[in-house]
Amino acid sequence: MTDKPTVSVLGTGIMGAAMARNLCRAGLRVRVWNRTREKAEPLAADGARVAGSPAEAVEGSDVVLTMLYDGNTVLDVLREAAPALRPGTVWAQCTTAGTDLVADLAAFAREHGLVFYDAPVLGTRRPAEDGLLTVLAAGPEEGRETVEPVFAAVGAKTVWTGTDGGAGSASRLKLVANSWVLAATAAAGEVLALAQALGVDPQDFFDLIEGGPLDMGYLRAKAALVLDGRLSPASFAVATAEKDARLIVQAGERGGVRLDVAAATAERLARAAAQGHADEDMAAAYFASFDDDGQQDGKPGRRPAST
């Protein structure tokens, strides 16, 4: 292998496309594939080679990076790629797949002689575009010299959680982090909805908490997306957030704990998706507070205070 690995990116949605661009900018040779080819084709202008199939994308690659919808999709795509996978190829599995499927992914890697890294990323569209994701990684020390240039190109730092990717330590940490992200997003939406119901100007709330322990930049950022009607393009879409929320609930159940907030958040996101917000930023869970979608011209409607 040369100093700069050839990397195949399977999945070029919001995150995968941004990661592929940063790999190209880092001077790596990049192949890309997406089920909907139109989502991959713009990456040709960045220097990536667009492949027509997963097998074509991975043939001769040093690293395969998967950034797909969920773990089952990852398995389906890797099975399509299997005839072209070389033993010894490094597989950086960056999809948020939850905890249950990591063992299956690792078993696939063993069956095909791949070096498996459980490597979900923390961050949304903007950090992905800027190459500032946090990579949560677990996998063998042998092989890291191949995968580390890939992680360095897409992330600001890599947090190593173990040497056995199949143990799922990185995926478990990712679910813990996402549980906080989703809870905070749901709470931001409910604050705005309650303020609207009671006739309270949201700015009065922000002024009240400013500079204190209740203030949080993330709260203000997500609230601003709703208040300003800037829910597209999504940083993290409602449909994907719902998937992650359900993975969190399932992981809690496996561990014998009830996660009532995560379960309620999953239902809020499902309602927002049913209202037509599936592809908008997850802040659109705000609309789940209203039976009539609570909006006018794409922004929060004005509801009078109750009398």
Protein backbone atom coordinates (compact mmCIF):
# COMPACT_ATOMS: atom_id res chain seq x y z
CA MET A 1 0.00 0.00 0.00
CA THR A 2 1.20 3.54 -0.78
CA ASP A 3 1.38 6.30 1.84
CA LYS A 4 -2.08 7.60 0.95
CA PRO A 5 -4.73 4.88 0.94
CA THR A 6 -7.43 4.46 -1.65
CA VAL A 7 -10.76 4.90 0.11
CA SER A 8 -14.19 3.72 -1.00
CA VAL A 9 -17.10 5.63 0.54
CA LEU A 10 -20.37 3.69 0.42
CA GLY A 11 -23.23 6.07 1.11
CA THR A 12 -23.10 9.72 0.06
CA GLY A 13 -25.96 11.31 1.92
CA ILE A 14 -25.58 14.37 4.16
CA MET A 15 -22.64 12.95 6.09
CA GLY A 16 -21.07 10.60 3.58
CA ALA A 17 -20.80 13.23 0.84
CA ALA A 18 -19.13 15.72 3.18
CA MET A 19 -16.71 13.08 4.41
CA ALA A 20 -15.85 12.04 0.84
CA ARG A 21 -15.09 15.66 -0.10
CA ASN A 22 -12.72 16.00 2.82
CA LEU A 23 -10.99 12.78 1.87
CA CYS A 24 -10.47 14.20 -1.62
CA ARG A 25 -9.14 17.47 -0.18
CA ALA A 26 -6.67 15.49 1.90
CA GLY A 27 -5.24 14.07 -1.30
CA LEU A 28 -6.53 10.53 -0.89
CA ARG A 29 -7.79 8.55 -3.85
CA VAL A 30 -11.55 8.29 -3.36
CA ARG A 31 -14.25 6.14 -4.95
CA VAL A 32 -17.88 6.79 -4.06
CA TRP A 33 -21.12 4.90 -4.44
CA ASN A 34 -24.71 5.66 -3.52
CA ARG A 35 -27.89 3.73 -4.25
CA THR A 36 -29.28 6.92 -5.79
CA ARG A 37 -26.41 7.72 -8.13
CA GLU A 38 -27.44 11.37 -8.48
CA LYS A 39 -26.35 11.95 -4.89
CA ALA A 40 -22.85 10.69 -5.65
CA GLU A 41 -22.24 12.29 -9.04
CA PRO A 42 -21.46 15.84 -7.76
CA LEU A 43 -18.43 14.38 -5.96
CA ALA A 44 -16.73 13.80 -9.31
CA ALA A 45 -16.01 17.54 -9.38
CA ASP A 46 -14.05 17.09 -6.14
CA GLY A 47 -11.90 14.35 -7.64
CA ALA A 48 -13.82 11.25 -6.56
CA ARG A 49 -14.51 8.40 -8.95
CA VAL A 50 -18.21 7.56 -9.01
CA ALA A 51 -18.89 3.83 -9.12
CA GLY A 52 -21.97 2.10 -10.46
CA SER A 53 -22.07 -0.65 -7.83
CA PRO A 54 -20.67 -1.39 -4.37
CA ALA A 55 -18.39 -4.06 -5.87
CA GLU A 56 -16.99 -1.61 -8.41
CA ALA A 57 -16.42 0.94 -5.66
CA VAL A 58 -14.45 -1.33 -3.35
CA GLU A 59 -12.33 -3.19 -5.91
CA GLY A 60 -8.66 -2.60 -5.10
CA SER A 61 -9.40 -0.22 -2.19
CA ASP A 62 -7.32 -0.08 0.97
CA VAL A 63 -10.15 1.28 3.13
CA VAL A 64 -13.91 0.88 2.82
CA LEU A 65 -15.93 3.51 4.72
CA THR A 66 -19.63 2.87 5.20
CA MET A 67 -21.98 5.76 6.01
CA LEU A 68 -25.44 4.37 5.33
CA TYR A 69 -28.88 4.56 6.93
CA ASP A 70 -28.63 1.69 9.41
CA GLY A 71 -26.88 -1.56 10.20
CA ASN A 72 -29.12 -3.75 8.05
CA THR A 73 -28.48 -1.49 5.06
CA VAL A 74 -24.74 -1.75 5.72
CA LEU A 75 -24.91 -5.55 5.66
CA ASP A 76 -26.96 -5.56 2.45
CA VAL A 77 -24.51 -3.25 0.69
CA LEU A 78 -21.41 -5.11 1.89
CA ARG A 79 -22.90 -8.37 0.65
CA GLU A 80 -23.22 -6.75 -2.78
CA ALA A 81 -19.59 -5.65 -2.54
CA ALA A 82 -18.33 -9.00 -1.23
CA PRO A 83 -17.05 -10.44 -4.54
CA ALA A 84 -14.61 -7.53 -4.88
CA LEU A 85 -13.44 -7.27 -1.27
CA ARG A 86 -9.80 -8.22 -0.72
CA PRO A 87 -8.69 -9.96 2.49
CA GLY A 88 -6.83 -7.45 4.61
CA THR A 89 -8.93 -4.49 3.48
CA VAL A 90 -9.69 -2.08 6.34
CA TRP A 91 -13.38 -1.46 6.96
CA ALA A 92 -14.30 1.72 8.84
CA GLN A 93 -17.97 1.29 9.73
CA CYS A 94 -19.21 4.84 10.48
CA THR A 95 -22.96 4.29 10.29
CA THR A 96 -24.89 4.61 13.56
CA ALA A 97 -25.94 0.97 13.66
CA GLY A 98 -26.77 0.60 17.34
CA THR A 99 -25.43 -2.16 19.54
CA ASP A 100 -27.27 -5.28 18.36
CA LEU A 101 -25.87 -5.43 14.83
CA VAL A 102 -22.21 -4.65 15.57
CA ALA A 103 -21.49 -8.32 16.24
CA ASP A 104 -23.07 -9.26 12.89
CA LEU A 105 -20.99 -6.64 11.08
CA ALA A 106 -17.83 -7.88 12.77
CA ALA A 107 -18.72 -11.47 11.87
CA PHE A 108 -19.08 -10.44 8.21
CA ALA A 109 -15.66 -8.80 8.42
CA ARG A 110 -14.08 -11.99 9.85
CA GLU A 111 -15.74 -14.12 7.18
CA HIS A 112 -14.19 -11.99 4.44
CA GLY A 113 -10.84 -11.31 6.11
CA LEU A 114 -11.49 -7.60 6.64
CA VAL A 115 -9.90 -5.51 9.40
CA PHE A 116 -12.97 -4.15 11.18
CA TYR A 117 -13.23 -0.78 12.92
CA ASP A 118 -16.40 0.21 14.72
CA ALA A 119 -16.18 3.95 13.99
CA PRO A 120 -19.37 6.01 14.33
CA VAL A 121 -18.91 9.77 14.15
CA LEU A 122 -20.24 12.53 16.37
CA GLY A 123 -21.36 15.65 14.57
CA THR A 124 -23.82 16.91 11.96
CA ARG A 125 -23.68 18.51 8.51
CA ARG A 126 -21.51 21.55 9.28
CA PRO A 127 -18.80 19.71 11.27
CA ALA A 128 -18.80 17.04 8.55
CA GLU A 129 -18.34 19.66 5.84
CA ASP A 130 -15.55 21.32 7.82
CA GLY A 131 -13.77 18.07 8.63
CA LEU A 132 -14.42 18.59 12.33
CA LEU A 133 -16.27 15.43 13.26
CA THR A 134 -15.28 13.41 16.30
CA VAL A 135 -14.56 9.82 15.33
CA LEU A 136 -15.35 7.24 18.02
CA ALA A 137 -13.26 4.24 17.08
CA ALA A 138 -12.58 0.71 18.25
CA GLY A 139 -10.39 -1.76 16.42
CA PRO A 140 -7.03 -3.49 16.34
CA GLU A 141 -3.81 -1.54 16.64
CA GLU A 142 -2.54 -3.40 13.58
CA GLY A 143 -4.15 -1.57 10.71
CA ARG A 144 -4.48 1.80 12.39
CA GLU A 145 -1.69 3.26 10.27
CA THR A 146 -4.01 2.68 7.29
CA VAL A 147 -7.23 4.01 8.79
CA GLU A 148 -5.84 6.96 10.77
CA PRO A 149 -5.27 9.17 7.67
CA VAL A 150 -8.94 8.60 6.84
CA PHE A 151 -10.09 9.59 10.33
CA ALA A 152 -7.77 12.61 10.28
CA ALA A 153 -9.30 13.81 7.01
CA VAL A 154 -12.90 13.67 8.23
CA GLY A 155 -12.50 14.55 11.90
CA ALA A 156 -10.89 16.95 14.32
CA LYS A 157 -10.06 14.13 16.71
CA THR A 158 -10.37 10.40 17.15
CA VAL A 159 -11.42 8.90 20.47
CA TRP A 160 -10.25 5.30 20.74
CA THR A 161 -12.55 3.19 22.91
CA GLY A 162 -10.99 -0.27 22.51
CA THR A 163 -9.09 -2.71 20.33
CA ASP A 164 -11.99 -5.00 19.42
CA GLY A 165 -14.42 -3.40 16.98
CA GLY A 166 -16.83 -6.28 17.38
CA ALA A 167 -17.30 -5.49 21.07
CA GLY A 168 -19.17 -2.33 20.06
CA SER A 169 -17.61 0.04 22.59
CA ALA A 170 -17.58 2.92 20.10
CA SER A 171 -21.19 2.33 19.08
CA ARG A 172 -22.28 2.20 22.72
CA LEU A 173 -20.61 5.53 23.44
CA LYS A 174 -22.24 7.01 20.32
CA LEU A 175 -25.71 6.01 21.54
CA VAL A 176 -25.06 7.61 24.93
CA ALA A 177 -23.99 10.83 23.23
CA ASN A 178 -26.95 10.78 20.84
CA SER A 179 -29.37 10.24 23.71
CA TRP A 180 -28.33 13.63 25.07
CA VAL A 181 -28.47 15.30 21.64
CA LEU A 182 -31.97 14.01 20.95
CA ALA A 183 -33.28 14.86 24.42
CA ALA A 184 -31.95 18.41 24.13
CA THR A 185 -33.50 18.81 20.67
CA ALA A 186 -36.89 17.58 21.84
CA ALA A 187 -36.75 19.88 24.88
CA ALA A 188 -35.92 22.87 22.67
CA GLY A 189 -39.00 22.20 20.55
CA GLU A 190 -41.27 21.83 23.55
CA VAL A 191 -40.01 25.09 25.06
CA LEU A 192 -40.96 26.92 21.87
CA ALA A 193 -44.32 25.15 21.66
CA LEU A 194 -45.21 25.99 25.25
CA ALA A 195 -44.14 29.60 24.79
CA GLN A 196 -46.36 29.82 21.73
CA ALA A 197 -49.32 28.27 23.57
CA LEU A 198 -48.95 30.69 26.49
CA GLY A 199 -48.31 33.76 24.36
CA VAL A 200 -44.76 34.15 25.65
CA ASP A 201 -42.11 35.68 23.40
CA PRO A 202 -39.33 33.03 23.13
CA GLN A 203 -36.77 35.82 23.35
CA ASP A 204 -37.97 36.57 26.89
CA PHE A 205 -37.06 33.00 27.82
CA PHE A 206 -33.62 33.28 26.22
CA ASP A 207 -33.02 36.58 28.03
CA LEU A 208 -34.07 34.94 31.30
CA ILE A 209 -31.51 32.12 31.08
CA GLU A 210 -28.72 34.09 29.39
CA GLY A 211 -25.31 33.48 30.93
CA GLY A 212 -26.63 31.11 33.57
CA PRO A 213 -26.34 27.36 34.07
CA LEU A 214 -29.54 26.73 32.07
CA ASP A 215 -28.23 28.49 28.98
CA MET A 216 -26.86 26.34 26.18
CA GLY A 217 -25.63 27.17 22.70
CA TYR A 218 -27.21 24.03 21.29
CA LEU A 219 -30.65 25.07 22.60
CA ARG A 220 -30.34 28.46 20.92
CA ALA A 221 -29.09 26.96 17.66
CA LYS A 222 -31.92 24.45 17.34
CA ALA A 223 -34.55 26.99 18.40
CA ALA A 224 -33.26 29.45 15.81
CA LEU A 225 -33.78 26.90 13.03
CA VAL A 226 -37.46 26.71 13.95
CA LEU A 227 -38.01 30.40 14.60
CA ASP A 228 -36.25 31.45 11.40
CA GLY A 229 -37.77 28.71 9.23
CA ARG A 230 -34.33 27.31 8.33
CA LEU A 231 -35.07 23.61 8.65
CA SER A 232 -33.70 22.69 5.22
CA PRO A 233 -31.16 21.56 4.32
CA ALA A 234 -31.06 19.36 7.38
CA SER A 235 -28.01 18.98 9.58
CA PHE A 236 -29.52 15.79 10.97
CA ALA A 237 -32.84 14.76 9.46
CA VAL A 238 -35.99 13.90 11.41
CA ALA A 239 -36.20 10.39 9.88
CA THR A 240 -32.62 9.54 10.80
CA ALA A 241 -33.03 10.99 14.29
CA GLU A 242 -36.10 8.82 14.82
CA LYS A 243 -34.10 5.75 13.80
CA ASP A 244 -31.38 6.64 16.29
CA ALA A 245 -33.90 7.31 19.06
CA ARG A 246 -35.36 3.84 18.60
CA LEU A 247 -31.87 2.30 18.66
CA ILE A 248 -31.29 4.08 21.98
CA VAL A 249 -34.56 2.77 23.44
CA GLN A 250 -33.73 -0.77 22.30
CA ALA A 251 -30.25 -0.57 23.78
CA GLY A 252 -31.72 0.59 27.08
CA GLU A 253 -34.17 -2.31 27.08
CA ARG A 254 -31.33 -4.76 26.48
CA GLY A 255 -29.56 -3.25 29.47
CA GLY A 256 -32.64 -3.43 31.68
CA VAL A 257 -33.35 0.31 31.88
CA ARG A 258 -36.36 2.37 30.78
CA LEU A 259 -35.55 5.44 28.73
CA ASP A 260 -38.84 7.32 28.81
CA VAL A 261 -37.46 10.54 27.32
CA ALA A 262 -35.86 8.70 24.39
CA ALA A 263 -39.09 6.75 23.77
CA ALA A 264 -41.16 9.94 23.80
CA THR A 265 -38.65 11.64 21.53
CA ALA A 266 -38.92 8.79 19.03
CA GLU A 267 -42.70 9.25 18.96
CA ARG A 268 -42.40 13.04 18.55
CA LEU A 269 -40.04 12.54 15.62
CA ALA A 270 -42.40 9.98 14.08
CA ARG A 271 -45.30 12.46 14.30
CA ALA A 272 -43.19 15.20 12.74
CA ALA A 273 -42.22 12.85 9.91
CA ALA A 274 -45.87 11.97 9.34
CA GLN A 275 -46.63 15.69 9.07
CA GLY A 276 -44.18 15.93 6.17
CA HIS A 277 -40.97 16.93 7.99
CA ALA A 278 -39.02 13.67 7.58
CA ASP A 279 -36.24 15.24 5.51
CA GLU A 280 -36.01 18.47 7.53
CA ASP A 281 -33.68 19.10 10.43
CA MET A 282 -34.59 17.18 13.57
CA ALA A 283 -35.49 20.51 15.20
CA ALA A 284 -38.72 20.09 13.21
CA ALA A 285 -39.86 17.74 16.01
CA TYR A 286 -41.27 21.05 17.31
CA PHE A 287 -44.23 20.61 14.98
CA ALA A 288 -45.23 17.37 16.68
CA SER A 289 -46.65 19.52 19.50
CA PHE A 290 -49.48 20.68 17.24
CA ASP A 291 -52.21 18.70 15.55
CA ASP A 292 -52.40 21.25 12.72
CA ASP A 293 -48.60 21.43 12.14
CA GLY A 294 -48.39 24.74 14.07
CA GLN A 295 -46.95 26.73 11.21
CA GLN A 296 -47.66 29.49 8.75
CA ASP A 297 -45.48 29.88 5.65
CA GLY A 298 -43.01 27.35 7.05
CA LYS A 299 -42.54 29.14 10.37
CA PRO A 300 -44.18 28.77 13.81
CA GLY A 301 -47.76 30.01 13.79
CA ARG A 302 -48.94 32.66 16.25
CA ARG A 303 -51.20 31.16 18.87
CA PRO A 304 -52.90 33.40 21.41
CA ALA A 305 -52.45 32.75 25.09
CA SER A 306 -55.23 30.79 26.76
CA THR A 307 -57.78 32.84 28.66
